[in-house]
Amino acid sequence: MNRAKELSEINPMMGHRGVRLGITYPEIYEMQIKAVFVATANLVKKKLTPNHRL
């Protein structure tokens, strides 16, 4: 939660958003990719077929 507060902006429409934020802070992409893989593994364990659209 502290990291979210550090990244908050007065006017987010004029600052870092989306891809630019991920370039500045690549750990955001790493966290998101890890979450997708963990969720996929959990679905496969339940014998479900994940269908990702990223």
PDB file of N, CA and C in Angstrom:
ATOM      1  N   MET A   1       0.821  -1.193   0.000  1.00  0.00           N
ATOM      2  CA  MET A   1       0.000   0.000   0.000  1.00  0.00           C
ATOM      3  C   MET A   1       0.867   1.258   0.000  1.00  0.00           C
ATOM      4  N   ASN A   2       2.006   1.192   0.660  1.00  0.00           N
ATOM      5  CA  ASN A   2       2.903   2.349   0.663  1.00  0.00           C
ATOM      6  C   ASN A   2       3.351   2.694  -0.743  1.00  0.00           C
ATOM      7  N   ARG A   3       3.604   1.656  -1.564  1.00  0.00           N
ATOM      8  CA  ARG A   3       4.055   1.885  -2.947  1.00  0.00           C
ATOM      9  C   ARG A   3       2.976   2.616  -3.734  1.00  0.00           C
ATOM     10  N   ALA A   4       1.717   2.270  -3.512  1.00  0.00           N
ATOM     11  CA  ALA A   4       0.615   2.944  -4.204  1.00  0.00           C
ATOM     12  C   ALA A   4       0.572   4.418  -3.829  1.00  0.00           C
ATOM     13  N   LYS A   5       0.803   4.725  -2.577  1.00  0.00           N
ATOM     14  CA  LYS A   5       0.812   6.123  -2.140  1.00  0.00           C
ATOM     15  C   LYS A   5       1.969   6.887  -2.776  1.00  0.00           C
ATOM     16  N   GLU A   6       3.123   6.222  -2.905  1.00  0.00           N
ATOM     17  CA  GLU A   6       4.280   6.865  -3.536  1.00  0.00           C
ATOM     18  C   GLU A   6       4.002   7.211  -4.994  1.00  0.00           C
ATOM     19  N   LEU A   7       3.213   6.376  -5.661  1.00  0.00           N
ATOM     20  CA  LEU A   7       2.961   6.563  -7.088  1.00  0.00           C
ATOM     21  C   LEU A   7       1.763   7.466  -7.374  1.00  0.00           C
ATOM     22  N   SER A   8       1.033   7.884  -6.336  1.00  0.00           N
ATOM     23  CA  SER A   8      -0.145   8.714  -6.570  1.00  0.00           C
ATOM     24  C   SER A   8       0.276  10.075  -7.121  1.00  0.00           C
ATOM     25  N   GLU A   9      -0.597  10.667  -7.921  1.00  0.00           N
ATOM     26  CA  GLU A   9      -0.294  11.943  -8.563  1.00  0.00           C
ATOM     27  C   GLU A   9      -1.459  12.897  -8.358  1.00  0.00           C
ATOM     28  N   ILE A  10      -1.166  14.172  -8.401  1.00  0.00           N
ATOM     29  CA  ILE A  10      -2.218  15.171  -8.274  1.00  0.00           C
ATOM     30  C   ILE A  10      -3.143  15.105  -9.483  1.00  0.00           C
ATOM     31  N   ASN A  11      -2.576  15.027 -10.681  1.00  0.00           N
ATOM     32  CA  ASN A  11      -3.366  14.922 -11.904  1.00  0.00           C
ATOM     33  C   ASN A  11      -2.851  13.726 -12.705  1.00  0.00           C
ATOM     34  N   PRO A  12      -3.388  12.521 -12.455  1.00  0.00           N
ATOM     35  CA  PRO A  12      -2.862  11.331 -13.126  1.00  0.00           C
ATOM     36  C   PRO A  12      -3.023  11.346 -14.642  1.00  0.00           C
ATOM     37  N   MET A  13      -3.944  12.135 -15.180  1.00  0.00           N
ATOM     38  CA  MET A  13      -4.123  12.194 -16.630  1.00  0.00           C
ATOM     39  C   MET A  13      -2.916  12.848 -17.310  1.00  0.00           C
ATOM     40  N   MET A  14      -2.156  13.607 -16.563  1.00  0.00           N
ATOM     41  CA  MET A  14      -0.999  14.292 -17.129  1.00  0.00           C
ATOM     42  C   MET A  14       0.325  13.623 -16.756  1.00  0.00           C
ATOM     43  N   GLY A  15       0.268  12.549 -16.000  1.00  0.00           N
ATOM     44  CA  GLY A  15       1.502  11.937 -15.513  1.00  0.00           C
ATOM     45  C   GLY A  15       1.728  10.550 -16.070  1.00  0.00           C
ATOM     46  N   HIS A  16       2.339   9.712 -15.263  1.00  0.00           N
ATOM     47  CA  HIS A  16       2.643   8.334 -15.656  1.00  0.00           C
ATOM     48  C   HIS A  16       1.379   7.490 -15.587  1.00  0.00           C
ATOM     49  N   ARG A  17       1.084   6.817 -16.682  1.00  0.00           N
ATOM     50  CA  ARG A  17      -0.049   5.899 -16.707  1.00  0.00           C
ATOM     51  C   ARG A  17       0.274   4.781 -17.670  1.00  0.00           C
ATOM     52  N   GLY A  18      -0.353   3.655 -17.466  1.00  0.00           N
ATOM     53  CA  GLY A  18      -0.250   2.545 -18.405  1.00  0.00           C
ATOM     54  C   GLY A  18       1.165   2.117 -18.708  1.00  0.00           C
ATOM     55  N   VAL A  19       1.512   2.124 -19.980  1.00  0.00           N
ATOM     56  CA  VAL A  19       2.807   1.616 -20.430  1.00  0.00           C
ATOM     57  C   VAL A  19       3.957   2.439 -19.865  1.00  0.00           C
ATOM     58  N   ARG A  20       3.812   3.737 -19.820  1.00  0.00           N
ATOM     59  CA  ARG A  20       4.908   4.577 -19.319  1.00  0.00           C
ATOM     60  C   ARG A  20       5.239   4.251 -17.871  1.00  0.00           C
ATOM     61  N   LEU A  21       4.236   3.962 -17.076  1.00  0.00           N
ATOM     62  CA  LEU A  21       4.474   3.603 -15.679  1.00  0.00           C
ATOM     63  C   LEU A  21       5.246   2.294 -15.604  1.00  0.00           C
ATOM     64  N   GLY A  22       4.909   1.343 -16.466  1.00  0.00           N
ATOM     65  CA  GLY A  22       5.608   0.062 -16.492  1.00  0.00           C
ATOM     66  C   GLY A  22       7.041   0.173 -16.963  1.00  0.00           C
ATOM     67  N   ILE A  23       7.329   1.152 -17.786  1.00  0.00           N
ATOM     68  CA  ILE A  23       8.708   1.364 -18.232  1.00  0.00           C
ATOM     69  C   ILE A  23       9.534   1.959 -17.093  1.00  0.00           C
ATOM     70  N   THR A  24       8.953   2.878 -16.371  1.00  0.00           N
ATOM     71  CA  THR A  24       9.650   3.496 -15.246  1.00  0.00           C
ATOM     72  C   THR A  24       9.824   2.520 -14.093  1.00  0.00           C
ATOM     73  N   TYR A  25       8.800   1.703 -13.855  1.00  0.00           N
ATOM     74  CA  TYR A  25       8.812   0.741 -12.748  1.00  0.00           C
ATOM     75  C   TYR A  25       8.539  -0.655 -13.296  1.00  0.00           C
ATOM     76  N   PRO A  26       9.549  -1.329 -13.868  1.00  0.00           N
ATOM     77  CA  PRO A  26       9.336  -2.640 -14.494  1.00  0.00           C
ATOM     78  C   PRO A  26       8.835  -3.706 -13.526  1.00  0.00           C
ATOM     79  N   GLU A  27       9.009  -3.502 -12.229  1.00  0.00           N
ATOM     80  CA  GLU A  27       8.509  -4.490 -11.273  1.00  0.00           C
ATOM     81  C   GLU A  27       6.983  -4.613 -11.326  1.00  0.00           C
ATOM     82  N   ILE A  28       6.314  -3.597 -11.851  1.00  0.00           N
ATOM     83  CA  ILE A  28       4.857  -3.674 -12.011  1.00  0.00           C
ATOM     84  C   ILE A  28       4.512  -4.763 -13.018  1.00  0.00           C
ATOM     85  N   TYR A  29       5.231  -4.797 -14.156  1.00  0.00           N
ATOM     86  CA  TYR A  29       4.991  -5.846 -15.149  1.00  0.00           C
ATOM     87  C   TYR A  29       5.297  -7.217 -14.573  1.00  0.00           C
ATOM     88  N   GLU A  30       6.402  -7.315 -13.826  1.00  0.00           N
ATOM     89  CA  GLU A  30       6.776  -8.596 -13.227  1.00  0.00           C
ATOM     90  C   GLU A  30       5.675  -9.092 -12.293  1.00  0.00           C
ATOM     91  N   MET A  31       5.123  -8.191 -11.494  1.00  0.00           N
ATOM     92  CA  MET A  31       4.065  -8.547 -10.561  1.00  0.00           C
ATOM     93  C   MET A  31       2.811  -9.011 -11.309  1.00  0.00           C
ATOM     94  N   GLN A  32       2.450  -8.311 -12.373  1.00  0.00           N
ATOM     95  CA  GLN A  32       1.259  -8.672 -13.135  1.00  0.00           C
ATOM     96  C   GLN A  32       1.424 -10.014 -13.842  1.00  0.00           C
ATOM     97  N   ILE A  33       2.585 -10.249 -14.430  1.00  0.00           N
ATOM     98  CA  ILE A  33       2.840 -11.523 -15.111  1.00  0.00           C
ATOM     99  C   ILE A  33       2.810 -12.667 -14.107  1.00  0.00           C
ATOM    100  N   LYS A  34       3.424 -12.457 -12.946  1.00  0.00           N
ATOM    101  CA  LYS A  34       3.413 -13.492 -11.910  1.00  0.00           C
ATOM    102  C   LYS A  34       1.975 -13.811 -11.499  1.00  0.00           C
ATOM    103  N   ALA A  35       1.142 -12.791 -11.343  1.00  0.00           N
ATOM    104  CA  ALA A  35      -0.254 -13.006 -10.956  1.00  0.00           C
ATOM    105  C   ALA A  35      -0.995 -13.826 -12.008  1.00  0.00           C
ATOM    106  N   VAL A  36      -0.739 -13.566 -13.289  1.00  0.00           N
ATOM    107  CA  VAL A  36      -1.381 -14.332 -14.364  1.00  0.00           C
ATOM    108  C   VAL A  36      -0.947 -15.791 -14.304  1.00  0.00           C
ATOM    109  N   PHE A  37       0.351 -16.038 -14.110  1.00  0.00           N
ATOM    110  CA  PHE A  37       0.844 -17.415 -14.048  1.00  0.00           C
ATOM    111  C   PHE A  37       0.318 -18.154 -12.824  1.00  0.00           C
ATOM    112  N   VAL A  38       0.257 -17.486 -11.689  1.00  0.00           N
ATOM    113  CA  VAL A  38      -0.267 -18.129 -10.477  1.00  0.00           C
ATOM    114  C   VAL A  38      -1.744 -18.468 -10.663  1.00  0.00           C
ATOM    115  N   ALA A  39      -2.503 -17.541 -11.226  1.00  0.00           N
ATOM    116  CA  ALA A  39      -3.922 -17.799 -11.472  1.00  0.00           C
ATOM    117  C   ALA A  39      -4.103 -18.949 -12.459  1.00  0.00           C
ATOM    118  N   THR A  40      -3.269 -18.987 -13.493  1.00  0.00           N
ATOM    119  CA  THR A  40      -3.330 -20.073 -14.474  1.00  0.00           C
ATOM    120  C   THR A  40      -3.038 -21.411 -13.812  1.00  0.00           C
ATOM    121  N   ALA A  41      -2.002 -21.456 -12.995  1.00  0.00           N
ATOM    122  CA  ALA A  41      -1.647 -22.702 -12.307  1.00  0.00           C
ATOM    123  C   ALA A  41      -2.787 -23.170 -11.411  1.00  0.00           C
ATOM    124  N   ASN A  42      -3.428 -22.248 -10.727  1.00  0.00           N
ATOM    125  CA  ASN A  42      -4.550 -22.613  -9.861  1.00  0.00           C
ATOM    126  C   ASN A  42      -5.716 -23.181 -10.662  1.00  0.00           C
ATOM    127  N   LEU A  43      -5.993 -22.613 -11.825  1.00  0.00           N
ATOM    128  CA  LEU A  43      -7.074 -23.130 -12.667  1.00  0.00           C
ATOM    129  C   LEU A  43      -6.737 -24.510 -13.212  1.00  0.00           C
ATOM    130  N   VAL A  44      -5.499 -24.707 -13.628  1.00  0.00           N
ATOM    131  CA  VAL A  44      -5.077 -26.005 -14.166  1.00  0.00           C
ATOM    132  C   VAL A  44      -5.171 -27.077 -13.080  1.00  0.00           C
ATOM    133  N   LYS A  45      -4.795 -26.736 -11.854  1.00  0.00           N
ATOM    134  CA  LYS A  45      -4.904 -27.687 -10.739  1.00  0.00           C
ATOM    135  C   LYS A  45      -6.349 -28.122 -10.517  1.00  0.00           C
ATOM    136  N   LYS A  46      -7.289 -27.216 -10.815  1.00  0.00           N
ATOM    137  CA  LYS A  46      -8.717 -27.527 -10.666  1.00  0.00           C
ATOM    138  C   LYS A  46      -9.280 -28.178 -11.925  1.00  0.00           C
ATOM    139  N   LYS A  47      -8.374 -28.539 -12.846  1.00  0.00           N
ATOM    140  CA  LYS A  47      -8.728 -29.184 -14.110  1.00  0.00           C
ATOM    141  C   LYS A  47      -9.615 -28.296 -14.986  1.00  0.00           C
ATOM    142  N   LEU A  48      -9.386 -27.004 -14.920  1.00  0.00           N
ATOM    143  CA  LEU A  48     -10.072 -26.047 -15.780  1.00  0.00           C
ATOM    144  C   LEU A  48      -9.110 -25.600 -16.873  1.00  0.00           C
ATOM    145  N   THR A  49      -9.647 -25.043 -17.945  1.00  0.00           N
ATOM    146  CA  THR A  49      -8.824 -24.586 -19.062  1.00  0.00           C
ATOM    147  C   THR A  49      -8.848 -23.062 -19.125  1.00  0.00           C
ATOM    148  N   PRO A  50      -7.760 -22.419 -18.716  1.00  0.00           N
ATOM    149  CA  PRO A  50      -7.719 -20.957 -18.783  1.00  0.00           C
ATOM    150  C   PRO A  50      -7.668 -20.467 -20.231  1.00  0.00           C
ATOM    151  N   ASN A  51      -8.284 -19.340 -20.483  1.00  0.00           N
ATOM    152  CA  ASN A  51      -8.298 -18.732 -21.814  1.00  0.00           C
ATOM    153  C   ASN A  51      -7.934 -17.256 -21.644  1.00  0.00           C
ATOM    154  N   HIS A  52      -6.640 -16.962 -21.730  1.00  0.00           N
ATOM    155  CA  HIS A  52      -6.158 -15.601 -21.478  1.00  0.00           C
ATOM    156  C   HIS A  52      -6.317 -14.721 -22.705  1.00  0.00           C
ATOM    157  N   ARG A  53      -6.684 -13.490 -22.444  1.00  0.00           N
ATOM    158  CA  ARG A  53      -6.717 -12.460 -23.488  1.00  0.00           C
ATOM    159  C   ARG A  53      -6.090 -11.215 -22.890  1.00  0.00           C
ATOM    160  N   LEU A  54      -4.818 -11.049 -23.182  1.00  0.00           N
ATOM    161  CA  LEU A  54      -4.089  -9.917 -22.601  1.00  0.00           C
ATOM    162  C   LEU A  54      -3.904  -8.814 -23.606  1.00  0.00           C
TER     163      LEU A  54
END
